[in-house]
C-alpha atoms as a PDB file:
ATOM      1  CA  MET A   1     145.522   1.106  11.396  1.00  0.00           C
ATOM      2  CA  GLY A   2     146.142  -2.449  10.257  1.00  0.00           C
ATOM      3  CA  LEU A   3     143.719  -5.265   9.628  1.00  0.00           C
ATOM      4  CA  PHE A   4     144.364  -6.849  13.029  1.00  0.00           C
ATOM      5  CA  ASP A   5     143.653  -3.543  14.800  1.00  0.00           C
ATOM      6  CA  ARG A   6     140.364  -3.125  12.953  1.00  0.00           C
ATOM      7  CA  LEU A   7     139.336  -6.699  13.728  1.00  0.00           C
ATOM      8  CA  ALA A   8     140.248  -6.286  17.412  1.00  0.00           C
ATOM      9  CA  ASN A   9     138.184  -3.093  17.584  1.00  0.00           C
ATOM     10  CA  LEU A  10     135.167  -4.754  15.952  1.00  0.00           C
ATOM     11  CA  LEU A  11     135.317  -7.723  18.324  1.00  0.00           C
ATOM     12  CA  GLY A  12     135.810  -5.515  21.370  1.00  0.00           C
ATOM     13  CA  LEU A  13     139.164  -7.080  22.225  1.00  0.00           C
ATOM     14  CA  ARG A  14     140.976  -3.779  22.566  1.00  0.00           C
ATOM     15  CA  LYS A  15     140.906  -2.271  26.036  1.00  0.00           C
ATOM     16  CA  LYS A  16     141.396   1.418  26.370  1.00  0.00           C
ATOM     17  CA  GLU A  17     142.124   1.253  30.076  1.00  0.00           C
ATOM     18  CA  VAL A  18     144.089  -1.322  32.055  1.00  0.00           C
ATOM     19  CA  ASN A  19     145.089  -1.712  35.688  1.00  0.00           C
ATOM     20  CA  VAL A  20     148.714  -2.528  36.455  1.00  0.00           C
ATOM     21  CA  LEU A  21     149.989  -3.837  39.792  1.00  0.00           C
ATOM     22  CA  VAL A  22     153.722  -3.416  40.357  1.00  0.00           C
ATOM     23  CA  VAL A  23     155.282  -5.551  43.095  1.00  0.00           C
ATOM     24  CA  GLY A  24     158.885  -6.033  44.146  1.00  0.00           C
ATOM     25  CA  LEU A  25     161.437  -5.792  46.909  1.00  0.00           C
ATOM     26  CA  ASN A  26     162.160  -2.608  48.857  1.00  0.00           C
ATOM     27  CA  ASN A  27     164.363  -0.098  46.987  1.00  0.00           C
ATOM     28  CA  SER A  28     164.075  -2.044  43.725  1.00  0.00           C
ATOM     29  CA  GLY A  29     162.886   0.942  41.637  1.00  0.00           C
ATOM     30  CA  LYS A  30     159.139   0.299  41.320  1.00  0.00           C
ATOM     31  CA  SER A  31     158.177   3.961  41.778  1.00  0.00           C
ATOM     32  CA  THR A  32     160.952   5.042  39.409  1.00  0.00           C
ATOM     33  CA  VAL A  33     159.687   2.734  36.655  1.00  0.00           C
ATOM     34  CA  ILE A  34     156.117   3.997  37.082  1.00  0.00           C
ATOM     35  CA  ASN A  35     157.373   7.594  37.109  1.00  0.00           C
ATOM     36  CA  ASN A  36     159.155   7.062  33.777  1.00  0.00           C
ATOM     37  CA  PHE A  37     155.889   5.981  32.104  1.00  0.00           C
ATOM     38  CA  LYS A  38     154.295   9.338  32.947  1.00  0.00           C
ATOM     39  CA  HIS A  39     154.298  12.321  30.624  1.00  0.00           C
ATOM     40  CA  GLU A  40     157.390  14.470  31.110  1.00  0.00           C
ATOM     41  CA  ASP A  41     155.367  17.323  32.650  1.00  0.00           C
ATOM     42  CA  ASP A  42     153.840  15.003  35.300  1.00  0.00           C
ATOM     43  CA  ARG A  43     157.039  13.285  36.451  1.00  0.00           C
ATOM     44  CA  CYS A  44     158.325  13.685  39.997  1.00  0.00           C
ATOM     45  CA  ILE A  45     161.829  15.090  40.286  1.00  0.00           C
ATOM     46  CA  ASP A  46     162.557  13.727  43.768  1.00  0.00           C
ATOM     47  CA  ILE A  47     161.219  10.253  44.486  1.00  0.00           C
ATOM     48  CA  VAL A  48     161.109   9.323  48.155  1.00  0.00           C
ATOM     49  CA  PRO A  49     160.529   5.790  49.505  1.00  0.00           C
ATOM     50  CA  THR A  50     156.844   4.863  49.463  1.00  0.00           C
ATOM     51  CA  VAL A  51     155.260   4.160  52.845  1.00  0.00           C
ATOM     52  CA  GLY A  52     152.330   1.747  52.531  1.00  0.00           C
ATOM     53  CA  PHE A  53     151.035   1.857  48.972  1.00  0.00           C
ATOM     54  CA  ASN A  54     150.475   4.445  46.281  1.00  0.00           C
ATOM     55  CA  VAL A  55     147.650   4.577  43.719  1.00  0.00           C
ATOM     56  CA  GLU A  56     148.078   6.737  40.629  1.00  0.00           C
ATOM     57  CA  LYS A  57     146.112   7.152  37.437  1.00  0.00           C
ATOM     58  CA  PHE A  58     147.686   8.462  34.253  1.00  0.00           C
ATOM     59  CA  SER A  59     147.623   7.760  30.545  1.00  0.00           C
ATOM     60  CA  CYS A  60     150.427   6.690  28.259  1.00  0.00           C
ATOM     61  CA  LYS A  61     150.829   5.147  24.848  1.00  0.00           C
ATOM     62  CA  LEU A  62     152.568   1.786  24.886  1.00  0.00           C
ATOM     63  CA  ASN A  63     153.571  -0.421  21.970  1.00  0.00           C
ATOM     64  CA  ILE A  64     154.494  -4.002  22.817  1.00  0.00           C
ATOM     65  CA  GLU A  65     156.069  -6.328  20.277  1.00  0.00           C
ATOM     66  CA  ASP A  66     156.627 -10.030  20.667  1.00  0.00           C
END
């Protein structure tokens, strides 16, 4: 863990849980993108078009670099 990570933890800037809202046009692959973030054992094999909305909760590790 680097210095920035330690400082962020001490200041409480690191969130362990976030909410993500995915919006887009019909048949644009929103459910497919969300499915690919899931652990391999939890992924759906056949994805059908979503009627209404879908709420899912899962965990994943994500590294973002700028």
